Amino acid sequence: ARLAAAGIDGAPRDARRLLAHALSIAPDRLALHLRDPADDAACARFDAAIAARARRQPVSQITGRRRFWGRDFAVTRDVLDPRPDTETLVAAALDRPAARILDLGTGSGCILLTLLAEWPHARGTGTDISNAALAVAAANATSLGVAGRTTLVRADWTEGLVGPFDLIVSNPPYIAADELPSLAPDVRDWEPPGALSPGGDGLAAYRAILPALPALLAPGGRVLFEIGPTQGEAVAALARAAGLAGIAVLPDMDGRDRVVSAQFS
């Protein structure tokens, strides 16, 4: 009721997840424990979690965890909350195995580390400008058992990198400045601004990254970018101008443009 009064969509779902968190049990086990007594500490944790969610803090930041491609990832305010939209990029990447992967703006590491977990013989490099984000990615690499095949580098996109890579992936900031006010407060007020929007028309990251990619890609290497649903044509044009080929715009589960795919011939 408190969450619904605060305008939270899906209040019952969030309340259940936060109760499971307060009780230190898996959400899918909650129904088995509803008749069990809760101690004062658990009640206090639940009350604090509900209060935080009523302030529109995302559930993943409150619990510190987010499920992505069947795995748990640590999440803090220093990284984007991994979303189902991004699983479209992962699905496209898994269509063709790669041995050497580069993830630009890795954040929590959800893309890179998922691919490394799916491909046991692959190795990957993740870059980010944020040391705090790299620390989150490092913790996730360790928890997923892929730290030995992961290199994390503080860099401004491709700065200082040497290829070749078979696959380059990225979910860069792409929200245009005039779209920011319309974002849900759960996103606008709690996730890292620099990971959401580069300002302007939202295309600055693609303009910075794409010209550098042919020098980093192996022959036949692929590029996969997450995009906003109105940016497919513009990002495809930038990829074409950078000398990439085989360009395609892929839809997400809702049929919206979500990924631009290209290849270095």
C-alpha atoms as a PDB file:
ATOM      1  CA  ALA A   1       0.000   0.000   0.000  1.00  0.00           C
ATOM      2  CA  ARG A   2       2.841   2.417   0.794  1.00  0.00           C
ATOM      3  CA  LEU A   3       4.453   1.783  -2.577  1.00  0.00           C
ATOM      4  CA  ALA A   4       1.185   2.149  -4.461  1.00  0.00           C
ATOM      5  CA  ALA A   5       0.540   5.452  -2.672  1.00  0.00           C
ATOM      6  CA  ALA A   6       3.993   6.607  -3.824  1.00  0.00           C
ATOM      7  CA  GLY A   7       3.016   5.899  -7.434  1.00  0.00           C
ATOM      8  CA  ILE A   8       5.150   2.796  -7.912  1.00  0.00           C
ATOM      9  CA  ASP A   9       4.063   0.644 -10.840  1.00  0.00           C
ATOM     10  CA  GLY A  10       4.079  -3.024  -9.902  1.00  0.00           C
ATOM     11  CA  ALA A  11       3.967  -2.255  -6.171  1.00  0.00           C
ATOM     12  CA  PRO A  12       2.971  -5.811  -5.106  1.00  0.00           C
ATOM     13  CA  ARG A  13       5.853  -7.303  -7.111  1.00  0.00           C
ATOM     14  CA  ASP A  14       8.384  -4.898  -5.658  1.00  0.00           C
ATOM     15  CA  ALA A  15       7.076  -5.415  -2.119  1.00  0.00           C
ATOM     16  CA  ARG A  16       7.532  -9.173  -2.457  1.00  0.00           C
ATOM     17  CA  ARG A  17      11.074  -8.793  -3.783  1.00  0.00           C
ATOM     18  CA  LEU A  18      11.988  -6.419  -0.979  1.00  0.00           C
ATOM     19  CA  LEU A  19      10.470  -8.686   1.663  1.00  0.00           C
ATOM     20  CA  ALA A  20      12.500 -11.610   0.340  1.00  0.00           C
ATOM     21  CA  HIS A  21      15.592  -9.400   0.486  1.00  0.00           C
ATOM     22  CA  ALA A  22      14.836  -8.369   4.079  1.00  0.00           C
ATOM     23  CA  LEU A  23      14.401 -12.022   5.052  1.00  0.00           C
ATOM     24  CA  SER A  24      17.561 -13.074   3.162  1.00  0.00           C
ATOM     25  CA  ILE A  25      15.714 -15.666   1.080  1.00  0.00           C
ATOM     26  CA  ALA A  26      15.304 -16.142  -2.653  1.00  0.00           C
ATOM     27  CA  PRO A  27      12.214 -14.384  -4.056  1.00  0.00           C
ATOM     28  CA  ASP A  28      10.837 -17.646  -5.423  1.00  0.00           C
ATOM     29  CA  ARG A  29      10.959 -19.130  -1.893  1.00  0.00           C
ATOM     30  CA  LEU A  30       8.953 -16.351  -0.270  1.00  0.00           C
ATOM     31  CA  ALA A  31       5.589 -18.155  -0.338  1.00  0.00           C
ATOM     32  CA  LEU A  32       7.077 -21.008   1.675  1.00  0.00           C
ATOM     33  CA  HIS A  33       8.076 -18.642   4.499  1.00  0.00           C
ATOM     34  CA  LEU A  34       5.115 -16.265   4.789  1.00  0.00           C
ATOM     35  CA  ARG A  35       3.875 -17.931   7.974  1.00  0.00           C
ATOM     36  CA  ASP A  36       7.290 -17.882   9.635  1.00  0.00           C
ATOM     37  CA  PRO A  37       7.923 -15.261  12.325  1.00  0.00           C
ATOM     38  CA  ALA A  38      10.157 -12.349  11.297  1.00  0.00           C
ATOM     39  CA  ASP A  39      12.601 -10.963  13.842  1.00  0.00           C
ATOM     40  CA  ASP A  40      12.981  -7.262  14.592  1.00  0.00           C
ATOM     41  CA  ALA A  41      16.060  -6.926  12.408  1.00  0.00           C
ATOM     42  CA  ALA A  42      14.253  -8.329   9.371  1.00  0.00           C
ATOM     43  CA  CYS A  43      11.275  -6.049   9.991  1.00  0.00           C
ATOM     44  CA  ALA A  44      13.607  -3.051  10.203  1.00  0.00           C
ATOM     45  CA  ARG A  45      15.322  -4.046   6.942  1.00  0.00           C
ATOM     46  CA  PHE A  46      11.953  -4.399   5.236  1.00  0.00           C
ATOM     47  CA  ASP A  47      10.745  -1.030   6.480  1.00  0.00           C
ATOM     48  CA  ALA A  48      13.949   0.654   5.311  1.00  0.00           C
ATOM     49  CA  ALA A  49      13.696  -1.046   1.910  1.00  0.00           C
ATOM     50  CA  ILE A  50      10.077   0.038   1.430  1.00  0.00           C
ATOM     51  CA  ALA A  51      10.973   3.606   2.403  1.00  0.00           C
ATOM     52  CA  ALA A  52      13.818   3.631  -0.124  1.00  0.00           C
ATOM     53  CA  ARG A  53      11.592   2.290  -2.891  1.00  0.00           C
ATOM     54  CA  ALA A  54       8.923   4.889  -2.073  1.00  0.00           C
ATOM     55  CA  ARG A  55      11.639   7.485  -2.762  1.00  0.00           C
ATOM     56  CA  ARG A  56      11.894   5.832  -6.193  1.00  0.00           C
ATOM     57  CA  GLN A  57      15.242   4.138  -5.631  1.00  0.00           C
ATOM     58  CA  PRO A  58      15.360   1.123  -7.982  1.00  0.00           C
ATOM     59  CA  VAL A  59      14.829  -2.283  -6.402  1.00  0.00           C
ATOM     60  CA  SER A  60      18.162  -3.504  -7.780  1.00  0.00           C
ATOM     61  CA  GLN A  61      20.041  -0.749  -5.962  1.00  0.00           C
ATOM     62  CA  ILE A  62      18.239  -1.537  -2.711  1.00  0.00           C
ATOM     63  CA  THR A  63      18.958  -5.247  -2.931  1.00  0.00           C
ATOM     64  CA  GLY A  64      22.326  -4.763  -4.632  1.00  0.00           C
ATOM     65  CA  ARG A  65      21.496  -7.439  -7.205  1.00  0.00           C
ATOM     66  CA  ARG A  66      19.963  -7.707 -10.665  1.00  0.00           C
ATOM     67  CA  ARG A  67      19.167 -10.808 -12.718  1.00  0.00           C
ATOM     68  CA  PHE A  68      20.471 -10.701 -16.290  1.00  0.00           C
ATOM     69  CA  TRP A  69      20.577 -13.585 -18.782  1.00  0.00           C
ATOM     70  CA  GLY A  70      19.945 -16.027 -15.937  1.00  0.00           C
ATOM     71  CA  ARG A  71      22.751 -14.768 -13.701  1.00  0.00           C
ATOM     72  CA  ASP A  72      22.949 -12.424 -10.719  1.00  0.00           C
ATOM     73  CA  PHE A  73      24.951  -9.211 -11.087  1.00  0.00           C
ATOM     74  CA  ALA A  74      25.963  -6.791  -8.365  1.00  0.00           C
ATOM     75  CA  VAL A  75      24.490  -3.326  -8.947  1.00  0.00           C
ATOM     76  CA  THR A  76      25.247   0.047  -7.351  1.00  0.00           C
ATOM     77  CA  ARG A  77      24.446   3.678  -8.154  1.00  0.00           C
ATOM     78  CA  ASP A  78      27.700   3.760 -10.141  1.00  0.00           C
ATOM     79  CA  VAL A  79      26.378   1.568 -12.968  1.00  0.00           C
ATOM     80  CA  LEU A  80      23.313   1.250 -15.148  1.00  0.00           C
ATOM     81  CA  ASP A  81      20.724  -1.251 -14.022  1.00  0.00           C
ATOM     82  CA  PRO A  82      20.999  -4.189 -16.487  1.00  0.00           C
ATOM     83  CA  ARG A  83      17.774  -4.367 -18.482  1.00  0.00           C
ATOM     84  CA  PRO A  84      15.985  -6.952 -20.635  1.00  0.00           C
ATOM     85  CA  ASP A  85      16.474  -4.636 -23.647  1.00  0.00           C
ATOM     86  CA  THR A  86      20.213  -5.282 -23.460  1.00  0.00           C
ATOM     87  CA  GLU A  87      19.638  -9.027 -23.662  1.00  0.00           C
ATOM     88  CA  THR A  88      18.786  -8.388 -27.330  1.00  0.00           C
ATOM     89  CA  LEU A  89      22.441  -7.478 -27.873  1.00  0.00           C
ATOM     90  CA  VAL A  90      23.637 -10.572 -25.982  1.00  0.00           C
ATOM     91  CA  ALA A  91      21.374 -12.832 -28.045  1.00  0.00           C
ATOM     92  CA  ALA A  92      22.727 -11.344 -31.271  1.00  0.00           C
ATOM     93  CA  ALA A  93      26.317 -11.757 -30.091  1.00  0.00           C
ATOM     94  CA  LEU A  94      25.798 -15.420 -29.229  1.00  0.00           C
ATOM     95  CA  ASP A  95      24.793 -16.178 -32.820  1.00  0.00           C
ATOM     96  CA  ARG A  96      28.472 -16.420 -33.727  1.00  0.00           C
ATOM     97  CA  PRO A  97      31.268 -17.412 -31.282  1.00  0.00           C
ATOM     98  CA  ALA A  98      34.140 -15.014 -30.662  1.00  0.00           C
ATOM     99  CA  ALA A  99      37.470 -15.597 -28.959  1.00  0.00           C
ATOM    100  CA  ARG A 100      38.477 -11.968 -28.269  1.00  0.00           C
ATOM    101  CA  ILE A 101      35.815  -9.551 -27.042  1.00  0.00           C
ATOM    102  CA  LEU A 102      35.894  -5.821 -26.319  1.00  0.00           C
ATOM    103  CA  ASP A 103      33.127  -4.117 -24.336  1.00  0.00           C
ATOM    104  CA  LEU A 104      33.224  -0.314 -24.450  1.00  0.00           C
ATOM    105  CA  GLY A 105      31.629   1.348 -21.423  1.00  0.00           C
ATOM    106  CA  THR A 106      31.256  -1.939 -19.582  1.00  0.00           C
ATOM    107  CA  GLY A 107      29.508  -0.606 -16.443  1.00  0.00           C
ATOM    108  CA  SER A 108      28.422  -3.610 -14.365  1.00  0.00           C
ATOM    109  CA  GLY A 109      30.038  -5.867 -16.963  1.00  0.00           C
ATOM    110  CA  CYS A 110      26.720  -7.550 -17.703  1.00  0.00           C
ATOM    111  CA  ILE A 111      27.337  -7.844 -21.463  1.00  0.00           C
ATOM    112  CA  LEU A 112      31.002  -8.832 -21.450  1.00  0.00           C
ATOM    113  CA  LEU A 113      30.797 -11.182 -18.480  1.00  0.00           C
ATOM    114  CA  THR A 114      27.681 -12.910 -19.784  1.00  0.00           C
ATOM    115  CA  LEU A 115      29.459 -13.615 -23.073  1.00  0.00           C
ATOM    116  CA  LEU A 116      32.544 -14.926 -21.256  1.00  0.00           C
ATOM    117  CA  ALA A 117      30.371 -17.166 -19.093  1.00  0.00           C
ATOM    118  CA  GLU A 118      28.648 -18.517 -22.216  1.00  0.00           C
ATOM    119  CA  TRP A 119      31.932 -18.954 -24.121  1.00  0.00           C
ATOM    120  CA  PRO A 120      34.415 -20.705 -21.765  1.00  0.00           C
ATOM    121  CA  HIS A 121      37.359 -20.295 -24.143  1.00  0.00           C
ATOM    122  CA  ALA A 122      36.883 -16.592 -24.860  1.00  0.00           C
ATOM    123  CA  ARG A 123      38.799 -13.718 -23.331  1.00  0.00           C
ATOM    124  CA  GLY A 124      37.519 -10.172 -22.958  1.00  0.00           C
ATOM    125  CA  THR A 125      38.456  -6.577 -22.244  1.00  0.00           C
ATOM    126  CA  GLY A 126      36.052  -4.077 -20.713  1.00  0.00           C
ATOM    127  CA  THR A 127      36.665  -0.342 -20.611  1.00  0.00           C
ATOM    128  CA  ASP A 128      34.983   2.376 -18.588  1.00  0.00           C
ATOM    129  CA  ILE A 129      35.821   5.950 -17.656  1.00  0.00           C
ATOM    130  CA  SER A 130      34.545   5.331 -14.112  1.00  0.00           C
ATOM    131  CA  ASN A 131      36.792   3.600 -11.588  1.00  0.00           C
ATOM    132  CA  ALA A 132      33.731   2.900  -9.435  1.00  0.00           C
ATOM    133  CA  ALA A 133      32.032   1.119 -12.332  1.00  0.00           C
ATOM    134  CA  LEU A 134      35.165  -0.922 -13.020  1.00  0.00           C
ATOM    135  CA  ALA A 135      35.165  -2.025  -9.379  1.00  0.00           C
ATOM    136  CA  VAL A 136      31.598  -3.299  -9.763  1.00  0.00           C
ATOM    137  CA  ALA A 137      32.538  -5.134 -12.971  1.00  0.00           C
ATOM    138  CA  ALA A 138      35.559  -6.692 -11.254  1.00  0.00           C
ATOM    139  CA  ALA A 139      33.388  -7.981  -8.408  1.00  0.00           C
ATOM    140  CA  ASN A 140      30.943  -9.460 -10.909  1.00  0.00           C
ATOM    141  CA  ALA A 141      33.750 -11.101 -12.876  1.00  0.00           C
ATOM    142  CA  THR A 142      34.950 -12.777  -9.693  1.00  0.00           C
ATOM    143  CA  SER A 143      31.492 -13.940  -8.617  1.00  0.00           C
ATOM    144  CA  LEU A 144      30.820 -15.408 -12.074  1.00  0.00           C
ATOM    145  CA  GLY A 145      34.178 -17.199 -12.181  1.00  0.00           C
ATOM    146  CA  VAL A 146      35.499 -15.394 -15.268  1.00  0.00           C
ATOM    147  CA  ALA A 147      37.977 -12.965 -13.663  1.00  0.00           C
ATOM    148  CA  GLY A 148      40.942 -14.885 -15.054  1.00  0.00           C
ATOM    149  CA  ARG A 149      39.719 -14.229 -18.612  1.00  0.00           C
ATOM    150  CA  THR A 150      38.702 -10.606 -18.032  1.00  0.00           C
ATOM    151  CA  THR A 151      40.805  -7.449 -18.382  1.00  0.00           C
ATOM    152  CA  LEU A 152      39.286  -4.202 -17.125  1.00  0.00           C
ATOM    153  CA  VAL A 153      40.788  -0.891 -18.245  1.00  0.00           C
ATOM    154  CA  ARG A 154      40.025   2.697 -17.364  1.00  0.00           C
ATOM    155  CA  ALA A 155      39.742   4.396 -20.731  1.00  0.00           C
ATOM    156  CA  ASP A 156      37.722   6.954 -22.640  1.00  0.00           C
ATOM    157  CA  TRP A 157      36.116   4.557 -25.112  1.00  0.00           C
ATOM    158  CA  THR A 158      38.883   3.138 -27.365  1.00  0.00           C
ATOM    159  CA  GLU A 159      41.702   5.265 -25.941  1.00  0.00           C
ATOM    160  CA  GLY A 160      44.974   3.307 -25.771  1.00  0.00           C
ATOM    161  CA  LEU A 161      43.490   0.007 -26.945  1.00  0.00           C
ATOM    162  CA  VAL A 162      45.214  -2.391 -29.313  1.00  0.00           C
ATOM    163  CA  GLY A 163      43.355  -5.118 -31.216  1.00  0.00           C
ATOM    164  CA  PRO A 164      42.487  -7.218 -32.930  1.00  0.00           C
ATOM    165  CA  PHE A 165      39.113  -8.199 -31.471  1.00  0.00           C
ATOM    166  CA  ASP A 166      36.623 -10.601 -33.004  1.00  0.00           C
ATOM    167  CA  LEU A 167      33.655  -8.868 -31.392  1.00  0.00           C
ATOM    168  CA  ILE A 168      33.170  -5.326 -30.100  1.00  0.00           C
ATOM    169  CA  VAL A 169      30.041  -4.580 -28.087  1.00  0.00           C
ATOM    170  CA  SER A 170      28.754  -1.466 -26.374  1.00  0.00           C
ATOM    171  CA  ASN A 171      25.730  -0.028 -24.632  1.00  0.00           C
ATOM    172  CA  PRO A 172      26.825   3.627 -24.615  1.00  0.00           C
ATOM    173  CA  PRO A 173      24.844   6.589 -23.285  1.00  0.00           C
ATOM    174  CA  TYR A 174      22.292   7.410 -25.998  1.00  0.00           C
ATOM    175  CA  ILE A 175      19.389   9.328 -24.471  1.00  0.00           C
ATOM    176  CA  ALA A 176      19.019  12.776 -26.031  1.00  0.00           C
ATOM    177  CA  ALA A 177      19.084  15.793 -23.714  1.00  0.00           C
ATOM    178  CA  ASP A 178      15.473  16.707 -24.450  1.00  0.00           C
ATOM    179  CA  GLU A 179      14.352  13.173 -23.515  1.00  0.00           C
ATOM    180  CA  LEU A 180      15.847  13.230 -20.018  1.00  0.00           C
ATOM    181  CA  PRO A 181      12.932  15.036 -18.301  1.00  0.00           C
ATOM    182  CA  SER A 182      10.523  12.343 -19.518  1.00  0.00           C
ATOM    183  CA  LEU A 183      12.471   9.472 -17.947  1.00  0.00           C
ATOM    184  CA  ALA A 184      10.988   7.739 -14.921  1.00  0.00           C
ATOM    185  CA  PRO A 185      12.416   9.174 -11.689  1.00  0.00           C
ATOM    186  CA  ASP A 186      13.696   5.675 -10.843  1.00  0.00           C
ATOM    187  CA  VAL A 187      16.100   6.107 -13.773  1.00  0.00           C
ATOM    188  CA  ARG A 188      16.606   9.868 -14.054  1.00  0.00           C
ATOM    189  CA  ASP A 189      17.309  10.498 -10.369  1.00  0.00           C
ATOM    190  CA  TRP A 190      19.188   7.321  -9.399  1.00  0.00           C
ATOM    191  CA  GLU A 191      21.279   5.994 -12.272  1.00  0.00           C
ATOM    192  CA  PRO A 192      24.629   7.583 -13.284  1.00  0.00           C
ATOM    193  CA  PRO A 193      23.860  10.562 -15.561  1.00  0.00           C
ATOM    194  CA  GLY A 194      26.948  10.034 -17.704  1.00  0.00           C
ATOM    195  CA  ALA A 195      25.845   6.481 -18.507  1.00  0.00           C
ATOM    196  CA  LEU A 196      22.371   7.643 -19.552  1.00  0.00           C
ATOM    197  CA  SER A 197      22.963  10.627 -21.815  1.00  0.00           C
ATOM    198  CA  PRO A 198      25.874  12.335 -23.578  1.00  0.00           C
ATOM    199  CA  GLY A 199      23.703  15.406 -24.099  1.00  0.00           C
ATOM    200  CA  GLY A 200      22.653  16.844 -27.436  1.00  0.00           C
ATOM    201  CA  ASP A 201      21.022  14.402 -29.822  1.00  0.00           C
ATOM    202  CA  GLY A 202      22.320  11.348 -27.930  1.00  0.00           C
ATOM    203  CA  LEU A 203      24.663  10.226 -30.720  1.00  0.00           C
ATOM    204  CA  ALA A 204      27.985  11.593 -29.430  1.00  0.00           C
ATOM    205  CA  ALA A 205      29.289   8.236 -28.216  1.00  0.00           C
ATOM    206  CA  TYR A 206      28.671   6.561 -31.581  1.00  0.00           C
ATOM    207  CA  ARG A 207      30.431   9.422 -33.359  1.00  0.00           C
ATOM    208  CA  ALA A 208      33.426   9.028 -31.040  1.00  0.00           C
ATOM    209  CA  ILE A 209      33.644   5.237 -31.173  1.00  0.00           C
ATOM    210  CA  LEU A 210      32.805   4.110 -34.687  1.00  0.00           C
ATOM    211  CA  PRO A 211      35.699   5.718 -36.639  1.00  0.00           C
ATOM    212  CA  ALA A 212      38.201   3.905 -34.390  1.00  0.00           C
ATOM    213  CA  LEU A 213      36.723   0.432 -34.792  1.00  0.00           C
ATOM    214  CA  PRO A 214      38.180  -0.747 -38.137  1.00  0.00           C
ATOM    215  CA  ALA A 215      41.665  -0.501 -36.610  1.00  0.00           C
ATOM    216  CA  LEU A 216      40.587  -2.666 -33.662  1.00  0.00           C
ATOM    217  CA  LEU A 217      38.591  -5.353 -35.465  1.00  0.00           C
ATOM    218  CA  ALA A 218      39.942  -8.589 -36.875  1.00  0.00           C
ATOM    219  CA  PRO A 219      38.939  -9.355 -40.478  1.00  0.00           C
ATOM    220  CA  GLY A 220      35.327 -10.468 -40.344  1.00  0.00           C
ATOM    221  CA  GLY A 221      34.988  -9.077 -36.854  1.00  0.00           C
ATOM    222  CA  ARG A 222      31.606  -7.841 -35.691  1.00  0.00           C
ATOM    223  CA  VAL A 223      30.287  -4.760 -33.907  1.00  0.00           C
ATOM    224  CA  LEU A 224      27.071  -4.670 -31.861  1.00  0.00           C
ATOM    225  CA  PHE A 225      25.721  -1.433 -30.388  1.00  0.00           C
ATOM    226  CA  GLU A 226      22.642  -0.938 -28.271  1.00  0.00           C
ATOM    227  CA  ILE A 227      20.655   2.071 -29.489  1.00  0.00           C
ATOM    228  CA  GLY A 228      17.563   4.062 -28.653  1.00  0.00           C
ATOM    229  CA  PRO A 229      14.433   3.031 -30.594  1.00  0.00           C
ATOM    230  CA  THR A 230      14.582   6.061 -32.931  1.00  0.00           C
ATOM    231  CA  GLN A 231      18.331   5.920 -33.646  1.00  0.00           C
ATOM    232  CA  GLY A 232      18.690   2.935 -35.961  1.00  0.00           C
ATOM    233  CA  GLU A 233      19.027   4.845 -39.213  1.00  0.00           C
ATOM    234  CA  ALA A 234      21.421   7.453 -37.789  1.00  0.00           C
ATOM    235  CA  VAL A 235      23.761   4.925 -36.150  1.00  0.00           C
ATOM    236  CA  ALA A 236      23.688   2.700 -39.226  1.00  0.00           C
ATOM    237  CA  ALA A 237      24.772   5.702 -41.312  1.00  0.00           C
ATOM    238  CA  LEU A 238      27.645   6.408 -38.923  1.00  0.00           C
ATOM    239  CA  ALA A 239      28.755   2.765 -39.140  1.00  0.00           C
ATOM    240  CA  ARG A 240      28.643   2.936 -42.926  1.00  0.00           C
ATOM    241  CA  ALA A 241      30.708   6.134 -42.939  1.00  0.00           C
ATOM    242  CA  ALA A 242      33.296   4.397 -40.724  1.00  0.00           C
ATOM    243  CA  GLY A 243      33.810   1.744 -43.408  1.00  0.00           C
ATOM    244  CA  LEU A 244      31.818  -1.060 -41.808  1.00  0.00           C
ATOM    245  CA  ALA A 245      29.633  -3.385 -43.856  1.00  0.00           C
ATOM    246  CA  GLY A 246      26.794  -5.864 -43.393  1.00  0.00           C
ATOM    247  CA  ILE A 247      24.885  -3.298 -41.360  1.00  0.00           C
ATOM    248  CA  ALA A 248      21.568  -4.352 -39.841  1.00  0.00           C
ATOM    249  CA  VAL A 249      19.180  -2.899 -37.277  1.00  0.00           C
ATOM    250  CA  LEU A 250      17.773  -5.558 -34.922  1.00  0.00           C
ATOM    251  CA  PRO A 251      14.529  -5.273 -32.930  1.00  0.00           C
ATOM    252  CA  ASP A 252      14.001  -6.020 -29.245  1.00  0.00           C
ATOM    253  CA  MET A 253      11.221  -8.215 -27.832  1.00  0.00           C
ATOM    254  CA  ASP A 254       8.749  -5.352 -28.245  1.00  0.00           C
ATOM    255  CA  GLY A 255       9.615  -4.874 -31.911  1.00  0.00           C
ATOM    256  CA  ARG A 256      11.488  -1.605 -31.368  1.00  0.00           C
ATOM    257  CA  ASP A 257      14.884  -0.939 -32.953  1.00  0.00           C
ATOM    258  CA  ARG A 258      17.430  -1.875 -30.278  1.00  0.00           C
ATOM    259  CA  VAL A 259      20.757  -3.038 -31.761  1.00  0.00           C
ATOM    260  CA  VAL A 260      22.884  -2.014 -34.714  1.00  0.00           C
ATOM    261  CA  SER A 261      25.055  -4.822 -36.057  1.00  0.00           C
ATOM    262  CA  ALA A 262      27.964  -4.354 -38.465  1.00  0.00           C
ATOM    263  CA  GLN A 263      31.040  -6.155 -39.701  1.00  0.00           C
ATOM    264  CA  PHE A 264      34.602  -5.347 -40.741  1.00  0.00           C
ATOM    265  CA  SER A 265      35.268  -6.972 -44.108  1.00  0.00           C
END
